């Protein structure tokens, strides 16, 4: 089970890292701001805005993964401590 969990986690991280590095999602207001700045000659704001959007997008998933990992680790430790009629439970 642990091997399949590690493989699944690796595949998930690998797929998401490739996806987010090429994704440039923008809301309508952000896009209008970037287009307005580009038409005025400013081109530096677009890259920073895209990275900010990607940063905000990944944070909830990263927090959920950390909480899930800590929960799994605590449950595994707790399971090893219980003894039920002489056998480990």
Foldseek 3Di string as FASTA:
>chain_A
DVVVVVVVVVVVVVVVVVVLVPDQDDDPVVVVVCVVCVVVPDNPVRVVVSVVVSVVVCVVVVVVVVVVVVVVVVVVVVQQPDADPNHRD
